[in-house]
Amino acid sequence: QVQLVESGGGLVQAGGSLRLSCAASGSIFSINTMAWYRQAPGKQREQVASITSGGTTNYAGSVKGRFTISRDNAKNTVYLQMNNLKPEDTAVYYCWVVANTSPRIVAYWGQGTQVTVSS
């Protein structure tokens, strides 16, 4: 079993910054892709950014140049640095982790953390 614990959400004014963290623990042999998703009220969940085990990153067009995803493999932790936040970034942010728990590879979701950007 793998547990994901997210932190770092909150309320910030437009133009401000927040840093989200998601730490994975449990019976983990290795971690493959890690990603952040978000879901705003009345909208579908969308991928914000992802990072492979080799460090290759991918971003949604709406956050490119403002958000940075990174990971600390020693700590099984993924981060999302969010700069120049806009009101449209308001959403619940979820981390998503593909873990090799040997013998299975399973995807897990975090519990979600609220990010609210005021104008």
C-alpha atoms as a PDB file:
ATOM      1  CA  GLN A   1       0.000   0.000   0.000  1.00  0.00           C
ATOM      2  CA  VAL A   2       1.187   3.491  -0.876  1.00  0.00           C
ATOM      3  CA  GLN A   3       0.147   6.711   0.821  1.00  0.00           C
ATOM      4  CA  LEU A   4       0.432  10.189  -0.679  1.00  0.00           C
ATOM      5  CA  VAL A   5       0.454  13.261   1.542  1.00  0.00           C
ATOM      6  CA  GLU A   6       0.052  16.657  -0.090  1.00  0.00           C
ATOM      7  CA  SER A   7       0.789  20.048   1.413  1.00  0.00           C
ATOM      8  CA  GLY A   8       1.304  23.652   0.428  1.00  0.00           C
ATOM      9  CA  GLY A   9      -2.070  24.841  -0.808  1.00  0.00           C
ATOM     10  CA  GLY A  10      -3.740  27.996   0.390  1.00  0.00           C
ATOM     11  CA  LEU A  11      -5.036  31.442  -0.469  1.00  0.00           C
ATOM     12  CA  VAL A  12      -2.855  33.853  -2.416  1.00  0.00           C
ATOM     13  CA  GLN A  13      -3.345  37.065  -4.358  1.00  0.00           C
ATOM     14  CA  ALA A  14      -2.953  37.175  -8.102  1.00  0.00           C
ATOM     15  CA  GLY A  15       0.711  37.410  -9.014  1.00  0.00           C
ATOM     16  CA  GLY A  16       1.765  35.500  -5.931  1.00  0.00           C
ATOM     17  CA  SER A  17       3.449  32.127  -5.542  1.00  0.00           C
ATOM     18  CA  LEU A  18       2.807  28.807  -3.853  1.00  0.00           C
ATOM     19  CA  ARG A  19       4.757  25.568  -3.655  1.00  0.00           C
ATOM     20  CA  LEU A  20       2.954  22.253  -3.451  1.00  0.00           C
ATOM     21  CA  SER A  21       4.559  19.078  -2.140  1.00  0.00           C
ATOM     22  CA  CYS A  22       3.465  15.453  -2.358  1.00  0.00           C
ATOM     23  CA  ALA A  23       5.344  12.771  -0.438  1.00  0.00           C
ATOM     24  CA  ALA A  24       4.847   9.091  -1.167  1.00  0.00           C
ATOM     25  CA  SER A  25       5.411   6.415   1.449  1.00  0.00           C
ATOM     26  CA  GLY A  26       4.733   2.729   1.916  1.00  0.00           C
ATOM     27  CA  SER A  27       5.789  -0.396   0.076  1.00  0.00           C
ATOM     28  CA  ILE A  28       7.564   1.331  -2.809  1.00  0.00           C
ATOM     29  CA  PHE A  29      10.209  -0.362  -4.894  1.00  0.00           C
ATOM     30  CA  SER A  30      10.515   2.584  -7.287  1.00  0.00           C
ATOM     31  CA  ILE A  31       8.466   5.474  -8.643  1.00  0.00           C
ATOM     32  CA  ASN A  32       7.910   6.090 -12.320  1.00  0.00           C
ATOM     33  CA  THR A  33       5.988   9.137 -13.530  1.00  0.00           C
ATOM     34  CA  MET A  34       4.775  11.746 -11.055  1.00  0.00           C
ATOM     35  CA  ALA A  35       2.276  14.435 -11.988  1.00  0.00           C
ATOM     36  CA  TRP A  36      -0.012  17.170 -10.760  1.00  0.00           C
ATOM     37  CA  TYR A  37      -3.627  17.514 -11.833  1.00  0.00           C
ATOM     38  CA  ARG A  38      -6.210  20.096 -10.927  1.00  0.00           C
ATOM     39  CA  GLN A  39      -9.960  20.310 -10.921  1.00  0.00           C
ATOM     40  CA  ALA A  40     -11.891  23.570 -10.775  1.00  0.00           C
ATOM     41  CA  PRO A  41     -15.583  23.668  -9.811  1.00  0.00           C
ATOM     42  CA  GLY A  42     -17.751  22.464 -12.675  1.00  0.00           C
ATOM     43  CA  LYS A  43     -14.768  21.441 -14.782  1.00  0.00           C
ATOM     44  CA  GLN A  44     -13.033  18.189 -15.600  1.00  0.00           C
ATOM     45  CA  ARG A  45      -9.789  17.229 -13.920  1.00  0.00           C
ATOM     46  CA  GLU A  46      -6.830  18.228 -16.089  1.00  0.00           C
ATOM     47  CA  GLN A  47      -3.147  17.445 -15.998  1.00  0.00           C
ATOM     48  CA  VAL A  48      -1.040  20.443 -15.066  1.00  0.00           C
ATOM     49  CA  ALA A  49       2.468  18.982 -15.244  1.00  0.00           C
ATOM     50  CA  SER A  50       4.285  15.668 -15.208  1.00  0.00           C
ATOM     51  CA  ILE A  51       7.829  14.431 -14.674  1.00  0.00           C
ATOM     52  CA  THR A  52       9.296  11.061 -15.549  1.00  0.00           C
ATOM     53  CA  SER A  53      11.783   9.084 -13.497  1.00  0.00           C
ATOM     54  CA  GLY A  54      14.466  10.402 -15.819  1.00  0.00           C
ATOM     55  CA  GLY A  55      13.457  14.011 -15.234  1.00  0.00           C
ATOM     56  CA  THR A  56      11.613  14.756 -18.476  1.00  0.00           C
ATOM     57  CA  THR A  57       8.888  17.300 -17.829  1.00  0.00           C
ATOM     58  CA  ASN A  58       5.677  18.235 -19.588  1.00  0.00           C
ATOM     59  CA  TYR A  59       3.353  21.163 -18.924  1.00  0.00           C
ATOM     60  CA  ALA A  60      -0.139  22.245 -19.864  1.00  0.00           C
ATOM     61  CA  GLY A  61      -0.031  25.257 -22.127  1.00  0.00           C
ATOM     62  CA  SER A  62      -1.892  27.397 -19.601  1.00  0.00           C
ATOM     63  CA  VAL A  63       0.874  27.052 -16.988  1.00  0.00           C
ATOM     64  CA  LYS A  64       3.987  26.816 -19.137  1.00  0.00           C
ATOM     65  CA  GLY A  65       6.533  29.392 -18.048  1.00  0.00           C
ATOM     66  CA  ARG A  66       4.818  29.958 -14.680  1.00  0.00           C
ATOM     67  CA  PHE A  67       4.828  26.506 -13.018  1.00  0.00           C
ATOM     68  CA  THR A  68       7.787  24.197 -12.449  1.00  0.00           C
ATOM     69  CA  ILE A  69       7.529  20.536 -11.517  1.00  0.00           C
ATOM     70  CA  SER A  70      10.437  18.787  -9.821  1.00  0.00           C
ATOM     71  CA  ARG A  71      11.086  15.653  -7.801  1.00  0.00           C
ATOM     72  CA  ASP A  72      13.381  14.387  -5.092  1.00  0.00           C
ATOM     73  CA  ASN A  73      13.813  10.682  -5.710  1.00  0.00           C
ATOM     74  CA  ALA A  74      15.542  10.103  -2.383  1.00  0.00           C
ATOM     75  CA  LYS A  75      12.444  11.428  -0.611  1.00  0.00           C
ATOM     76  CA  ASN A  76       9.851  10.039  -3.062  1.00  0.00           C
ATOM     77  CA  THR A  77       8.490  13.567  -3.267  1.00  0.00           C
ATOM     78  CA  VAL A  78       7.201  15.679  -6.126  1.00  0.00           C
ATOM     79  CA  TYR A  79       6.909  19.462  -6.014  1.00  0.00           C
ATOM     80  CA  LEU A  80       5.001  22.066  -7.993  1.00  0.00           C
ATOM     81  CA  GLN A  81       6.335  25.602  -7.820  1.00  0.00           C
ATOM     82  CA  MET A  82       3.610  27.963  -8.974  1.00  0.00           C
ATOM     83  CA  ASN A  83       4.557  31.557  -9.784  1.00  0.00           C
ATOM     84  CA  ASN A  84       2.570  34.475 -11.151  1.00  0.00           C
ATOM     85  CA  LEU A  85      -0.649  32.800 -10.094  1.00  0.00           C
ATOM     86  CA  LYS A  86      -3.883  33.853 -11.752  1.00  0.00           C
ATOM     87  CA  PRO A  87      -7.500  33.579 -10.544  1.00  0.00           C
ATOM     88  CA  GLU A  88      -8.085  30.908 -13.186  1.00  0.00           C
ATOM     89  CA  ASP A  89      -5.522  28.716 -11.411  1.00  0.00           C
ATOM     90  CA  THR A  90      -8.001  28.319  -8.550  1.00  0.00           C
ATOM     91  CA  ALA A  91      -8.727  24.609  -8.149  1.00  0.00           C
ATOM     92  CA  VAL A  92      -8.133  21.538  -6.043  1.00  0.00           C
ATOM     93  CA  TYR A  93      -4.698  20.208  -6.948  1.00  0.00           C
ATOM     94  CA  TYR A  94      -4.013  16.468  -6.849  1.00  0.00           C
ATOM     95  CA  CYS A  95      -0.738  14.638  -7.121  1.00  0.00           C
ATOM     96  CA  TRP A  96      -0.606  11.397  -9.109  1.00  0.00           C
ATOM     97  CA  VAL A  97       2.138   8.857  -8.723  1.00  0.00           C
ATOM     98  CA  VAL A  98       2.887   5.650 -10.606  1.00  0.00           C
ATOM     99  CA  ALA A  99       4.630   3.370  -8.139  1.00  0.00           C
ATOM    100  CA  ASN A 100       6.291   0.027  -8.621  1.00  0.00           C
ATOM    101  CA  THR A 101       5.229  -1.878  -5.536  1.00  0.00           C
ATOM    102  CA  SER A 102       6.597  -5.154  -6.918  1.00  0.00           C
ATOM    103  CA  PRO A 103       5.105  -7.188  -8.369  1.00  0.00           C
ATOM    104  CA  ARG A 104       2.572  -4.595  -9.482  1.00  0.00           C
ATOM    105  CA  ILE A 105       2.780  -1.097 -10.947  1.00  0.00           C
ATOM    106  CA  VAL A 106      -0.099   0.992  -9.621  1.00  0.00           C
ATOM    107  CA  ALA A 107      -1.180   4.618  -9.977  1.00  0.00           C
ATOM    108  CA  TYR A 108      -2.186   6.483  -6.822  1.00  0.00           C
ATOM    109  CA  TRP A 109      -3.932   9.805  -6.207  1.00  0.00           C
ATOM    110  CA  GLY A 110      -3.290  12.258  -3.400  1.00  0.00           C
ATOM    111  CA  GLN A 111      -6.140  13.620  -1.295  1.00  0.00           C
ATOM    112  CA  GLY A 112      -6.074  17.009  -2.960  1.00  0.00           C
ATOM    113  CA  THR A 113      -5.117  20.461  -1.716  1.00  0.00           C
ATOM    114  CA  GLN A 114      -7.076  23.655  -2.361  1.00  0.00           C
ATOM    115  CA  VAL A 115      -5.414  26.547  -4.156  1.00  0.00           C
ATOM    116  CA  THR A 116      -7.370  29.787  -4.268  1.00  0.00           C
ATOM    117  CA  VAL A 117      -6.109  32.836  -6.135  1.00  0.00           C
ATOM    118  CA  SER A 118      -7.873  36.105  -5.468  1.00  0.00           C
ATOM    119  CA  SER A 119      -7.961  38.958  -7.964  1.00  0.00           C
END
